[in-house]
Amino acid sequence: MPPQFLVTHSGGFHADELLSSVILTRLFPEAQILRSRDEATITPAPDRLIYDVGRDYDAAKGIFDHHQRPVPLRGDGQPYSSFGLIWRHFGMEYLRAMQVPEADCAPIHASFDAGFVLPIDLMDNGALSPAMAGPMLADLTLPMLLESLKPVFDDRAPGADDRAFMAALPIARAFVEAAIARKAAKRRAEGVVQAAIAAAGPGRVLELPMGMPFRSAVVRAGADHLLFVVHPRDKDWALTGIRKTEEGFEQRADLPAEWAGLTDAALEAASGVKGAKFCHNGRFIAVADSRDAILRMAALAVAAALSETAA
């Protein structure tokens, strides 16, 4: 029987129970959220799921807290928050509810856990500080942003915390669903990119039917010979570099230095390509008005890169 109540603690909220609520309200849309510390309300019963309160973790009883001793730990010894516990038990079901293809559910579940859920768990348990993001970004981490939606300290209006929690819930939902959608899209792109790599053969330019995530598929395919990617973009065509690493900005090859920062007639003159429209100062993207023009720019960029390497 689906739960009638989703029970978490009252008062100020944190990212872990807010994000847990995103998962549970998707799976149990008819259930009512109860925010309470009343002992009878936070005691397990057949009609409720309890999380981030109750000082017990027992999935069979429907209670998912992490504040008790011993603290629930992952297999590698890192602590769970309520979000990690909820994701562990309900994440796969959530992905299916989001219509993620079954074959993609397990890898996306693991990827989302490692890159999204675990940092929330660690921050909530004090095992990771927002300051790790640096002094300029600490307040812009997701937990800090979500917690900034709490009422200010002197807003003591009745129900202020509950109203703020419910107002923050769709914002938290947008972050979770966007992250899942991007991971699912990346999985869809993989097959398209792999086919394009096969079609490119030993060529240095990868042509895609549209803009899409491509770097991980290129790396997985071992296509180290590829230097540039072209694809249509609205009414134009784009030529982009391939980053050497996921985190950095260094490219396998830069666009020609003489193109940097030029547009329209100036870029046409510098490149010798009619229809060349724009090249970024950073030399990682250029735009032309047709496929033929962008392919000619790509050929010139490849020749320049190989010449530079040979020198």
Protein backbone atom coordinates (compact mmCIF):
# COMPACT_ATOMS: atom_id res chain seq x y z
CA MET A 1 0.00 0.00 0.00
CA PRO A 2 1.45 3.41 -0.91
CA PRO A 3 2.13 5.68 2.07
CA GLN A 4 -0.43 8.29 2.93
CA PHE A 5 2.11 10.48 4.69
CA LEU A 6 5.71 11.52 4.02
CA VAL A 7 7.05 12.50 7.42
CA THR A 8 10.12 14.63 8.04
CA HIS A 9 11.08 17.02 10.82
CA SER A 10 9.59 20.45 11.40
CA GLY A 11 11.52 23.70 11.81
CA GLY A 12 14.40 24.77 9.61
CA PHE A 13 15.27 22.51 6.70
CA HIS A 14 18.39 21.27 4.99
CA ALA A 15 19.12 20.05 1.49
CA ASP A 16 18.97 16.35 2.40
CA GLU A 17 15.33 16.11 3.48
CA LEU A 18 14.27 18.62 0.83
CA LEU A 19 15.88 16.54 -1.93
CA SER A 20 14.51 13.35 -0.37
CA SER A 21 11.07 14.92 -0.66
CA VAL A 22 11.67 15.47 -4.38
CA ILE A 23 12.17 11.73 -4.87
CA LEU A 24 9.31 10.62 -2.65
CA THR A 25 6.69 13.07 -3.90
CA ARG A 26 7.38 11.92 -7.47
CA LEU A 27 6.78 8.30 -6.43
CA PHE A 28 3.89 8.97 -4.06
CA PRO A 29 2.13 12.08 -5.41
CA GLU A 30 -1.00 11.48 -3.35
CA ALA A 31 0.88 11.36 -0.06
CA GLN A 32 0.81 14.36 2.26
CA ILE A 33 4.05 15.84 3.58
CA LEU A 34 3.99 16.12 7.37
CA ARG A 35 6.74 18.15 9.04
CA SER A 36 6.75 17.27 12.72
CA ARG A 37 8.81 16.20 15.71
CA ASP A 38 5.79 14.80 17.53
CA GLU A 39 6.74 11.36 18.83
CA ALA A 40 3.56 9.68 17.62
CA THR A 41 3.93 11.18 14.14
CA ILE A 42 7.58 10.14 13.70
CA THR A 43 6.98 6.59 14.91
CA PRO A 44 6.90 4.00 12.08
CA ALA A 45 3.45 2.90 10.95
CA PRO A 46 2.08 1.26 7.77
CA ASP A 47 0.65 4.54 6.47
CA ARG A 48 3.89 6.57 6.43
CA LEU A 49 7.47 6.95 5.28
CA ILE A 50 9.72 8.77 7.74
CA TYR A 51 13.01 10.41 6.80
CA ASP A 52 15.64 12.64 8.44
CA VAL A 53 13.93 12.21 11.77
CA GLY A 54 13.19 9.38 14.21
CA ARG A 55 16.77 8.27 14.96
CA ASP A 56 16.48 4.93 13.21
CA TYR A 57 17.20 3.44 9.82
CA ASP A 58 15.04 0.46 8.99
CA ALA A 59 13.82 0.25 5.41
CA ALA A 60 11.40 -2.55 6.26
CA LYS A 61 9.69 -0.25 8.76
CA GLY A 62 9.82 2.76 6.44
CA ILE A 63 12.16 4.94 8.48
CA PHE A 64 15.28 6.56 7.02
CA ASP A 65 17.16 8.70 9.53
CA HIS A 66 20.92 9.10 9.90
CA HIS A 67 21.34 11.05 13.13
CA GLN A 68 21.57 7.99 15.40
CA ARG A 69 24.56 5.91 16.45
CA PRO A 70 25.90 3.99 14.70
CA VAL A 71 25.63 6.29 11.70
CA PRO A 72 24.49 4.47 8.52
CA LEU A 73 27.55 4.08 6.29
CA ARG A 74 28.12 3.32 2.64
CA GLY A 75 30.19 0.32 1.69
CA ASP A 76 33.28 2.53 1.52
CA GLY A 77 32.68 3.90 5.03
CA GLN A 78 31.35 7.31 3.99
CA PRO A 79 28.23 8.50 5.87
CA TYR A 80 24.73 8.64 4.48
CA SER A 81 22.33 11.51 4.94
CA SER A 82 18.61 10.91 4.55
CA PHE A 83 18.96 11.78 0.85
CA GLY A 84 21.51 9.03 0.32
CA LEU A 85 19.30 6.50 2.11
CA ILE A 86 16.24 7.49 0.11
CA TRP A 87 18.21 7.38 -3.14
CA ARG A 88 19.61 3.97 -2.23
CA HIS A 89 16.17 2.48 -1.72
CA PHE A 90 14.00 4.50 -4.12
CA GLY A 91 16.37 5.88 -6.74
CA MET A 92 15.86 3.14 -9.33
CA GLU A 93 12.09 3.41 -8.98
CA TYR A 94 12.38 7.18 -9.33
CA LEU A 95 14.37 6.86 -12.57
CA ARG A 96 11.72 4.54 -14.00
CA ALA A 97 9.06 7.06 -12.99
CA MET A 98 11.09 9.65 -14.91
CA GLN A 99 10.85 7.31 -17.94
CA VAL A 100 14.58 6.64 -18.09
CA PRO A 101 15.13 3.56 -20.31
CA GLU A 102 15.64 0.44 -18.22
CA ALA A 103 19.08 -0.23 -19.71
CA ASP A 104 20.22 3.23 -18.56
CA CYS A 105 18.76 3.14 -15.04
CA ALA A 106 21.62 1.35 -13.27
CA PRO A 107 24.47 3.47 -14.72
CA ILE A 108 22.55 6.71 -14.20
CA HIS A 109 21.65 5.67 -10.66
CA ALA A 110 25.33 5.10 -9.88
CA SER A 111 26.49 8.28 -11.63
CA PHE A 112 23.89 10.48 -9.91
CA ASP A 113 24.73 8.90 -6.56
CA ALA A 114 28.45 9.60 -6.97
CA GLY A 115 28.21 13.10 -8.41
CA PHE A 116 25.08 14.57 -6.81
CA VAL A 117 23.88 12.52 -3.82
CA LEU A 118 27.22 11.78 -2.14
CA PRO A 119 28.29 15.45 -1.89
CA ILE A 120 24.94 16.25 -0.24
CA ASP A 121 25.47 13.36 2.19
CA LEU A 122 28.99 14.48 3.07
CA MET A 123 28.07 18.14 3.54
CA ASP A 124 25.09 17.28 5.70
CA ASN A 125 27.30 15.12 7.93
CA GLY A 126 30.04 17.72 8.17
CA ALA A 127 32.45 15.47 6.28
CA LEU A 128 32.76 17.98 3.42
CA SER A 129 32.73 21.75 3.77
CA PRO A 130 31.19 24.13 1.22
CA ALA A 131 34.44 26.04 1.62
CA MET A 132 36.08 23.33 -0.50
CA ALA A 133 34.47 25.12 -3.46
CA GLY A 134 36.59 28.17 -2.64
CA PRO A 135 35.72 31.44 -0.88
CA MET A 136 33.92 32.89 -3.89
CA LEU A 137 31.78 29.80 -4.55
CA ALA A 138 31.08 28.38 -1.10
CA ASP A 139 27.69 30.09 -0.80
CA LEU A 140 26.76 28.96 -4.32
CA THR A 141 26.95 25.22 -3.65
CA LEU A 142 23.57 23.54 -4.03
CA PRO A 143 23.07 22.81 -0.29
CA MET A 144 23.81 26.42 0.61
CA LEU A 145 21.52 27.76 -2.12
CA LEU A 146 18.65 25.53 -1.03
CA GLU A 147 19.14 26.39 2.62
CA SER A 148 19.17 30.09 1.74
CA LEU A 149 15.45 29.65 1.00
CA LYS A 150 14.71 29.19 4.71
CA PRO A 151 13.01 32.09 6.51
CA VAL A 152 15.33 34.67 8.04
CA PHE A 153 15.97 34.27 11.76
CA ASP A 154 13.43 36.87 12.91
CA ASP A 155 10.57 35.72 10.71
CA ARG A 156 8.56 34.01 13.42
CA ALA A 157 5.22 34.06 11.62
CA PRO A 158 3.23 30.87 12.26
CA GLY A 159 3.95 28.28 9.56
CA ALA A 160 6.86 30.26 8.05
CA ASP A 161 9.19 27.25 7.99
CA ASP A 162 6.60 24.98 6.41
CA ARG A 163 5.68 27.55 3.76
CA ALA A 164 9.35 28.06 2.92
CA PHE A 165 9.91 24.30 2.68
CA MET A 166 7.01 23.85 0.27
CA ALA A 167 8.16 26.86 -1.79
CA ALA A 168 11.70 25.42 -1.97
CA LEU A 169 10.50 21.96 -3.03
CA PRO A 170 9.81 22.77 -6.73
CA ILE A 171 13.17 24.56 -6.92
CA ALA A 172 14.95 21.49 -5.57
CA ARG A 173 12.92 19.32 -7.95
CA ALA A 174 14.11 21.39 -10.92
CA PHE A 175 17.76 20.71 -10.03
CA VAL A 176 17.24 16.97 -9.58
CA GLU A 177 15.17 16.50 -12.72
CA ALA A 178 17.54 18.61 -14.82
CA ALA A 179 20.52 16.56 -13.62
CA ILE A 180 18.75 13.28 -14.43
CA ALA A 181 17.59 14.59 -17.82
CA ARG A 182 21.15 15.59 -18.72
CA LYS A 183 22.52 12.20 -17.76
CA ALA A 184 19.81 10.43 -19.77
CA ALA A 185 20.50 12.70 -22.75
CA LYS A 186 24.20 11.93 -22.52
CA ARG A 187 23.41 8.23 -22.71
CA ARG A 188 21.23 8.83 -25.79
CA ALA A 189 23.97 10.85 -27.43
CA GLU A 190 26.48 8.06 -26.96
CA GLY A 191 25.07 5.89 -29.75
CA VAL A 192 24.86 8.83 -32.16
CA VAL A 193 28.46 9.82 -31.50
CA GLN A 194 29.71 6.25 -31.82
CA ALA A 195 28.07 5.96 -35.26
CA ALA A 196 29.61 9.29 -36.30
CA ILE A 197 33.06 8.12 -35.17
CA ALA A 198 32.68 5.02 -37.33
CA ALA A 199 31.64 7.18 -40.28
CA ALA A 200 34.61 9.52 -39.78
CA GLY A 201 37.08 6.64 -40.03
CA PRO A 202 40.67 7.93 -39.89
CA GLY A 203 39.54 11.51 -40.56
CA ARG A 204 40.34 14.22 -38.05
CA VAL A 205 36.88 15.82 -38.04
CA LEU A 206 33.78 14.34 -36.42
CA GLU A 207 30.49 15.44 -38.00
CA LEU A 208 27.40 15.25 -35.80
CA PRO A 209 23.76 15.82 -36.80
CA MET A 210 23.28 18.39 -34.01
CA GLY A 211 25.00 19.77 -30.97
CA MET A 212 25.24 17.10 -28.25
CA PRO A 213 27.61 15.80 -25.55
CA PHE A 214 30.42 14.01 -27.37
CA ARG A 215 33.66 14.05 -25.42
CA SER A 216 33.05 10.99 -23.20
CA ALA A 217 32.00 8.89 -26.20
CA VAL A 218 35.10 9.99 -28.13
CA VAL A 219 37.33 9.05 -25.21
CA ARG A 220 35.54 5.74 -24.66
CA ALA A 221 35.98 4.88 -28.33
CA GLY A 222 39.70 5.63 -28.12
CA ALA A 223 39.33 8.05 -31.03
CA ASP A 224 42.48 9.98 -30.17
CA HIS A 225 42.98 10.99 -33.80
CA LEU A 226 39.93 13.28 -33.79
CA LEU A 227 40.73 16.98 -33.41
CA PHE A 228 37.53 18.87 -34.19
CA VAL A 229 33.75 18.46 -34.28
CA VAL A 230 31.29 20.10 -36.70
CA HIS A 231 27.52 20.24 -36.42
CA PRO A 232 24.56 22.41 -37.48
CA ARG A 233 23.51 25.12 -35.04
CA ASP A 234 20.22 26.86 -35.77
CA LYS A 235 20.77 28.38 -39.24
CA ASP A 236 24.57 28.18 -39.00
CA TRP A 237 27.22 25.48 -38.58
CA ALA A 238 29.70 25.26 -35.71
CA LEU A 239 33.29 24.02 -35.56
CA THR A 240 34.51 23.18 -32.05
CA GLY A 241 37.60 21.74 -30.45
CA ILE A 242 37.71 18.63 -28.25
CA ARG A 243 38.81 19.24 -24.68
CA LYS A 244 41.70 17.11 -23.43
CA THR A 245 40.07 16.53 -20.03
CA GLU A 246 36.55 16.73 -18.66
CA GLU A 247 37.45 19.45 -16.16
CA GLY A 248 39.94 21.64 -18.04
CA PHE A 249 39.69 23.89 -21.07
CA GLU A 250 42.82 22.83 -22.98
CA GLN A 251 41.93 21.52 -26.43
CA ARG A 252 43.47 18.71 -28.43
CA ALA A 253 44.01 21.40 -31.06
CA ASP A 254 43.18 25.09 -31.18
CA LEU A 255 41.72 26.89 -34.17
CA PRO A 256 44.25 28.97 -36.13
CA ALA A 257 45.62 31.94 -34.18
CA GLU A 258 44.98 34.34 -37.07
CA TRP A 259 41.24 33.69 -36.80
CA ALA A 260 40.94 34.61 -33.11
CA GLY A 261 38.27 37.18 -32.37
CA LEU A 262 37.40 37.88 -36.00
CA THR A 263 33.93 38.08 -37.52
CA ASP A 264 32.31 38.23 -40.96
CA ALA A 265 34.44 39.91 -43.66
CA ALA A 266 37.56 40.01 -41.49
CA LEU A 267 37.30 36.28 -40.79
CA GLU A 268 36.57 35.52 -44.44
CA ALA A 269 39.72 37.40 -45.40
CA ALA A 270 41.86 35.71 -42.74
CA SER A 271 40.60 32.20 -43.47
CA GLY A 272 39.94 32.48 -47.20
CA VAL A 273 36.53 30.86 -46.61
CA LYS A 274 33.42 32.57 -47.95
CA GLY A 275 30.70 32.31 -45.32
CA ALA A 276 33.00 32.28 -42.29
CA LYS A 277 31.17 34.31 -39.61
CA PHE A 278 32.86 34.14 -36.21
CA CYS A 279 35.81 32.73 -34.29
CA HIS A 280 36.02 33.00 -30.52
CA ASN A 281 39.05 34.71 -29.03
CA GLY A 282 39.70 31.48 -27.12
CA ARG A 283 39.98 29.60 -30.46
CA PHE A 284 37.70 26.77 -29.35
CA ILE A 285 34.69 27.52 -31.56
CA ALA A 286 34.05 29.03 -34.97
CA VAL A 287 30.83 29.52 -36.94
CA ALA A 288 30.06 29.57 -40.66
CA ASP A 289 26.86 29.98 -42.64
CA SER A 290 26.89 26.57 -44.37
CA ARG A 291 28.10 22.99 -44.06
CA ASP A 292 30.45 23.46 -46.99
CA ALA A 293 32.03 26.54 -45.40
CA ILE A 294 32.45 24.93 -41.99
CA LEU A 295 34.03 21.81 -43.51
CA ARG A 296 36.52 23.98 -45.38
CA MET A 297 37.33 25.81 -42.14
CA ALA A 298 37.72 22.45 -40.38
CA ALA A 299 40.15 21.24 -43.06
CA LEU A 300 42.22 24.39 -42.66
CA ALA A 301 42.20 24.03 -38.88
CA VAL A 302 43.35 20.41 -39.11
CA ALA A 303 46.15 21.32 -41.52
CA ALA A 304 47.30 24.14 -39.24
CA ALA A 305 47.21 21.92 -36.15
CA LEU A 306 49.17 19.11 -37.83
CA SER A 307 51.69 21.59 -39.16
CA GLU A 308 52.16 23.04 -35.69
CA THR A 309 52.59 19.58 -34.20
CA ALA A 310 55.15 18.62 -36.86
CA ALA A 311 57.11 21.76 -36.18
